[in-house]
């Protein structure tokens, strides 16, 4: 093949599922007794799973950066910085070109901020205000020199 699987698993899975769908629609393919609906679903799920993994890594990175912004003097800041970096590195390794166009960084940040605010309430812990709208771009998050501590500073409100 042309290496699409290695370059962009999401695009590959969608392409292969579409091809399988066309093949399944032919009479000859139906005679083979293959469970086409489930085969197609499984191929599509490969790409969806990878996409969801990247989303999850980015939410966790943003959550740790929001914690850095919310509690800049906490003893855990070094740990949160390291964790945020690990999640960003994981996302950078797993992302594919077609994912970049579909990732909703503002939505992912909203989820992360909600988790941090919920944690503050659950723990009865005061927090510095964090921004409601994410000022960070996907390119900034995935940059080779991304520094979670610096990015976290942009999440502080006021």
C-alpha atoms as a PDB file:
ATOM      1  CA  UNK A   1       0.000   0.000   0.000  1.00  0.00           C
ATOM      2  CA  UNK A   2       1.035   3.638   0.096  1.00  0.00           C
ATOM      3  CA  UNK A   3       1.937   3.809   3.793  1.00  0.00           C
ATOM      4  CA  UNK A   4      -1.269   5.613   4.816  1.00  0.00           C
ATOM      5  CA  UNK A   5      -1.694   3.256   7.770  1.00  0.00           C
ATOM      6  CA  UNK A   6       1.613   4.428   9.252  1.00  0.00           C
ATOM      7  CA  UNK A   7       1.080   8.098   8.379  1.00  0.00           C
ATOM      8  CA  UNK A   8      -2.566   8.550   9.316  1.00  0.00           C
ATOM      9  CA  UNK A   9      -4.428   5.684  10.954  1.00  0.00           C
ATOM     10  CA  UNK A  10      -7.674   7.634  11.136  1.00  0.00           C
ATOM     11  CA  UNK A  11      -7.696   8.396   7.404  1.00  0.00           C
ATOM     12  CA  UNK A  12      -6.637   4.802   6.677  1.00  0.00           C
ATOM     13  CA  UNK A  13      -9.465   3.317   8.740  1.00  0.00           C
ATOM     14  CA  UNK A  14     -12.060   5.547   7.083  1.00  0.00           C
ATOM     15  CA  UNK A  15     -10.729   4.758   3.614  1.00  0.00           C
ATOM     16  CA  UNK A  16     -10.620   1.029   4.272  1.00  0.00           C
ATOM     17  CA  UNK A  17     -14.117   1.019   5.785  1.00  0.00           C
ATOM     18  CA  UNK A  18     -15.467   2.816   2.708  1.00  0.00           C
ATOM     19  CA  UNK A  19     -13.742   0.315   0.424  1.00  0.00           C
ATOM     20  CA  UNK A  20     -15.095  -2.600   2.434  1.00  0.00           C
ATOM     21  CA  UNK A  21     -18.561  -1.077   2.265  1.00  0.00           C
ATOM     22  CA  UNK A  22     -18.387  -0.928  -1.522  1.00  0.00           C
ATOM     23  CA  UNK A  23     -17.060  -4.479  -1.656  1.00  0.00           C
ATOM     24  CA  UNK A  24     -19.782  -5.710   0.699  1.00  0.00           C
ATOM     25  CA  UNK A  25     -22.416  -4.231  -1.604  1.00  0.00           C
ATOM     26  CA  UNK A  26     -21.330  -6.506  -4.462  1.00  0.00           C
ATOM     27  CA  UNK A  27     -23.099  -9.837  -4.993  1.00  0.00           C
ATOM     28  CA  UNK A  28     -19.891 -11.841  -5.109  1.00  0.00           C
ATOM     29  CA  UNK A  29     -18.724 -10.525  -1.750  1.00  0.00           C
ATOM     30  CA  UNK A  30     -21.996 -11.446  -0.120  1.00  0.00           C
ATOM     31  CA  UNK A  31     -21.519 -15.056  -1.197  1.00  0.00           C
ATOM     32  CA  UNK A  32     -18.329 -15.282   0.880  1.00  0.00           C
ATOM     33  CA  UNK A  33     -20.275 -15.350   4.157  1.00  0.00           C
ATOM     34  CA  UNK A  34     -18.223 -12.567   5.710  1.00  0.00           C
ATOM     35  CA  UNK A  35     -19.910 -10.522   8.459  1.00  0.00           C
ATOM     36  CA  UNK A  36     -19.310  -7.294   6.559  1.00  0.00           C
ATOM     37  CA  UNK A  37     -21.143  -4.964   8.934  1.00  0.00           C
ATOM     38  CA  UNK A  38     -18.991  -5.990  11.882  1.00  0.00           C
ATOM     39  CA  UNK A  39     -15.763  -6.146   9.875  1.00  0.00           C
ATOM     40  CA  UNK A  40     -16.373  -2.582   8.667  1.00  0.00           C
ATOM     41  CA  UNK A  41     -17.244  -1.439  12.196  1.00  0.00           C
ATOM     42  CA  UNK A  42     -14.022  -2.941  13.557  1.00  0.00           C
ATOM     43  CA  UNK A  43     -11.894  -1.239  10.908  1.00  0.00           C
ATOM     44  CA  UNK A  44     -13.573   2.093  11.602  1.00  0.00           C
ATOM     45  CA  UNK A  45     -13.101   1.620  15.343  1.00  0.00           C
ATOM     46  CA  UNK A  46      -9.313   1.417  14.924  1.00  0.00           C
ATOM     47  CA  UNK A  47      -9.198   5.032  13.787  1.00  0.00           C
ATOM     48  CA  UNK A  48     -11.780   6.201  16.326  1.00  0.00           C
ATOM     49  CA  UNK A  49      -9.853   4.549  19.129  1.00  0.00           C
ATOM     50  CA  UNK A  50      -6.620   6.287  18.152  1.00  0.00           C
ATOM     51  CA  UNK A  51      -8.446   9.615  17.854  1.00  0.00           C
ATOM     52  CA  UNK A  52      -9.995   9.189  21.299  1.00  0.00           C
ATOM     53  CA  UNK A  53      -6.590   8.292  22.734  1.00  0.00           C
ATOM     54  CA  UNK A  54      -5.131  11.556  21.430  1.00  0.00           C
ATOM     55  CA  UNK A  55      -8.110  13.495  22.801  1.00  0.00           C
ATOM     56  CA  UNK A  56      -7.631  11.852  26.189  1.00  0.00           C
ATOM     57  CA  UNK A  57      -3.916  12.637  26.255  1.00  0.00           C
ATOM     58  CA  UNK A  58      -4.620  16.282  25.433  1.00  0.00           C
ATOM     59  CA  UNK A  59      -7.365  16.585  28.086  1.00  0.00           C
ATOM     60  CA  UNK A  60      -4.973  15.176  30.678  1.00  0.00           C
ATOM     61  CA  UNK A  61      -2.196  17.547  29.606  1.00  0.00           C
ATOM     62  CA  UNK A  62      -4.579  20.503  29.747  1.00  0.00           C
ATOM     63  CA  UNK A  63      -5.933  19.352  33.118  1.00  0.00           C
ATOM     64  CA  UNK A  64      -2.460  19.250  34.615  1.00  0.00           C
ATOM     65  CA  UNK A  65      -1.628  22.656  33.149  1.00  0.00           C
ATOM     66  CA  UNK A  66      -4.890  24.061  34.536  1.00  0.00           C
ATOM     67  CA  UNK A  67      -3.904  22.685  37.949  1.00  0.00           C
ATOM     68  CA  UNK A  68      -0.576  24.489  37.611  1.00  0.00           C
ATOM     69  CA  UNK A  69      -2.469  27.692  36.844  1.00  0.00           C
ATOM     70  CA  UNK A  70      -4.993  27.165  39.646  1.00  0.00           C
ATOM     71  CA  UNK A  71      -2.495  26.234  42.352  1.00  0.00           C
ATOM     72  CA  UNK A  72       0.868  27.748  41.313  1.00  0.00           C
ATOM     73  CA  UNK A  73       2.346  27.403  44.815  1.00  0.00           C
ATOM     74  CA  UNK A  74       1.277  23.795  45.417  1.00  0.00           C
ATOM     75  CA  UNK A  75       3.970  21.267  46.323  1.00  0.00           C
ATOM     76  CA  UNK A  76       2.839  19.109  43.376  1.00  0.00           C
ATOM     77  CA  UNK A  77       3.730  21.635  40.651  1.00  0.00           C
ATOM     78  CA  UNK A  78       6.859  19.756  39.549  1.00  0.00           C
ATOM     79  CA  UNK A  79       4.836  16.545  39.313  1.00  0.00           C
ATOM     80  CA  UNK A  80       2.020  18.243  37.354  1.00  0.00           C
ATOM     81  CA  UNK A  81       4.543  19.790  34.971  1.00  0.00           C
ATOM     82  CA  UNK A  82       6.174  16.429  34.306  1.00  0.00           C
ATOM     83  CA  UNK A  83       2.802  14.723  33.854  1.00  0.00           C
ATOM     84  CA  UNK A  84       1.585  17.434  31.461  1.00  0.00           C
ATOM     85  CA  UNK A  85       4.744  17.057  29.403  1.00  0.00           C
ATOM     86  CA  UNK A  86       4.384  13.268  29.313  1.00  0.00           C
ATOM     87  CA  UNK A  87       0.807  13.588  28.041  1.00  0.00           C
ATOM     88  CA  UNK A  88       1.841  16.141  25.402  1.00  0.00           C
ATOM     89  CA  UNK A  89       4.669  13.892  24.215  1.00  0.00           C
ATOM     90  CA  UNK A  90       2.254  10.964  23.997  1.00  0.00           C
ATOM     91  CA  UNK A  91      -0.211  13.017  21.966  1.00  0.00           C
ATOM     92  CA  UNK A  92       2.575  14.216  19.666  1.00  0.00           C
ATOM     93  CA  UNK A  93       3.632  10.614  18.988  1.00  0.00           C
ATOM     94  CA  UNK A  94       0.110   9.366  18.274  1.00  0.00           C
ATOM     95  CA  UNK A  95      -1.482  12.220  16.345  1.00  0.00           C
ATOM     96  CA  UNK A  96      -2.046  11.858  12.614  1.00  0.00           C
ATOM     97  CA  UNK A  97      -2.689  14.587  10.032  1.00  0.00           C
ATOM     98  CA  UNK A  98      -6.436  13.988   9.733  1.00  0.00           C
ATOM     99  CA  UNK A  99      -6.805  14.163  13.522  1.00  0.00           C
ATOM    100  CA  UNK A 100      -5.341  17.660  13.601  1.00  0.00           C
ATOM    101  CA  UNK A 101      -8.302  19.011  11.613  1.00  0.00           C
ATOM    102  CA  UNK A 102     -10.833  17.362  13.908  1.00  0.00           C
ATOM    103  CA  UNK A 103      -9.466  18.001  17.378  1.00  0.00           C
ATOM    104  CA  UNK A 104     -11.494  20.560  19.306  1.00  0.00           C
ATOM    105  CA  UNK A 105      -8.898  22.113  21.608  1.00  0.00           C
ATOM    106  CA  UNK A 106     -11.373  24.619  23.121  1.00  0.00           C
ATOM    107  CA  UNK A 107     -13.745  21.753  23.926  1.00  0.00           C
ATOM    108  CA  UNK A 108     -10.959  19.610  25.347  1.00  0.00           C
ATOM    109  CA  UNK A 109      -9.833  22.514  27.520  1.00  0.00           C
ATOM    110  CA  UNK A 110     -13.419  23.077  28.706  1.00  0.00           C
ATOM    111  CA  UNK A 111     -13.482  19.456  29.880  1.00  0.00           C
ATOM    112  CA  UNK A 112     -10.112  19.825  31.618  1.00  0.00           C
ATOM    113  CA  UNK A 113     -11.101  23.099  33.306  1.00  0.00           C
ATOM    114  CA  UNK A 114     -14.353  21.557  34.496  1.00  0.00           C
ATOM    115  CA  UNK A 115     -12.433  18.682  36.068  1.00  0.00           C
ATOM    116  CA  UNK A 116     -10.070  21.062  37.866  1.00  0.00           C
ATOM    117  CA  UNK A 117     -12.912  23.226  39.143  1.00  0.00           C
ATOM    118  CA  UNK A 118     -14.756  20.103  40.278  1.00  0.00           C
ATOM    119  CA  UNK A 119     -11.624  18.934  42.102  1.00  0.00           C
ATOM    120  CA  UNK A 120     -11.358  22.288  43.893  1.00  0.00           C
ATOM    121  CA  UNK A 121     -14.964  22.030  45.069  1.00  0.00           C
ATOM    122  CA  UNK A 122     -14.627  18.372  46.080  1.00  0.00           C
ATOM    123  CA  UNK A 123     -11.503  19.112  48.095  1.00  0.00           C
ATOM    124  CA  UNK A 124     -12.855  22.407  49.475  1.00  0.00           C
ATOM    125  CA  UNK A 125      -9.741  24.026  48.111  1.00  0.00           C
ATOM    126  CA  UNK A 126      -9.431  27.646  46.975  1.00  0.00           C
ATOM    127  CA  UNK A 127      -7.939  28.091  43.533  1.00  0.00           C
ATOM    128  CA  UNK A 128      -6.648  30.958  41.483  1.00  0.00           C
ATOM    129  CA  UNK A 129      -9.023  31.741  38.623  1.00  0.00           C
ATOM    130  CA  UNK A 130      -8.351  30.088  35.298  1.00  0.00           C
ATOM    131  CA  UNK A 131      -9.558  31.257  31.899  1.00  0.00           C
ATOM    132  CA  UNK A 132     -12.887  30.022  30.566  1.00  0.00           C
ATOM    133  CA  UNK A 133     -11.785  29.928  26.912  1.00  0.00           C
ATOM    134  CA  UNK A 134      -8.604  28.147  25.912  1.00  0.00           C
ATOM    135  CA  UNK A 135      -5.966  30.545  24.577  1.00  0.00           C
ATOM    136  CA  UNK A 136      -3.723  27.685  23.404  1.00  0.00           C
ATOM    137  CA  UNK A 137      -3.601  26.193  19.939  1.00  0.00           C
ATOM    138  CA  UNK A 138      -2.965  22.600  18.989  1.00  0.00           C
ATOM    139  CA  UNK A 139       0.327  23.632  17.390  1.00  0.00           C
ATOM    140  CA  UNK A 140       1.458  25.242  20.646  1.00  0.00           C
ATOM    141  CA  UNK A 141       0.537  22.143  22.626  1.00  0.00           C
ATOM    142  CA  UNK A 142       2.354  19.809  20.248  1.00  0.00           C
ATOM    143  CA  UNK A 143       5.428  21.960  19.620  1.00  0.00           C
ATOM    144  CA  UNK A 144       8.715  20.166  20.210  1.00  0.00           C
ATOM    145  CA  UNK A 145       9.720  22.837  22.718  1.00  0.00           C
ATOM    146  CA  UNK A 146       6.343  23.042  24.490  1.00  0.00           C
ATOM    147  CA  UNK A 147       6.859  23.936  28.142  1.00  0.00           C
ATOM    148  CA  UNK A 148       3.799  23.046  30.228  1.00  0.00           C
ATOM    149  CA  UNK A 149       4.735  25.541  32.940  1.00  0.00           C
ATOM    150  CA  UNK A 150       4.850  28.385  30.421  1.00  0.00           C
ATOM    151  CA  UNK A 151       1.636  27.264  28.724  1.00  0.00           C
ATOM    152  CA  UNK A 152      -0.046  26.980  32.125  1.00  0.00           C
ATOM    153  CA  UNK A 153       0.728  30.624  32.758  1.00  0.00           C
ATOM    154  CA  UNK A 154      -1.522  31.518  29.845  1.00  0.00           C
ATOM    155  CA  UNK A 155      -4.392  29.657  31.518  1.00  0.00           C
ATOM    156  CA  UNK A 156      -4.431  32.022  34.502  1.00  0.00           C
ATOM    157  CA  UNK A 157      -7.329  34.469  34.433  1.00  0.00           C
ATOM    158  CA  UNK A 158      -6.681  38.126  35.067  1.00  0.00           C
END
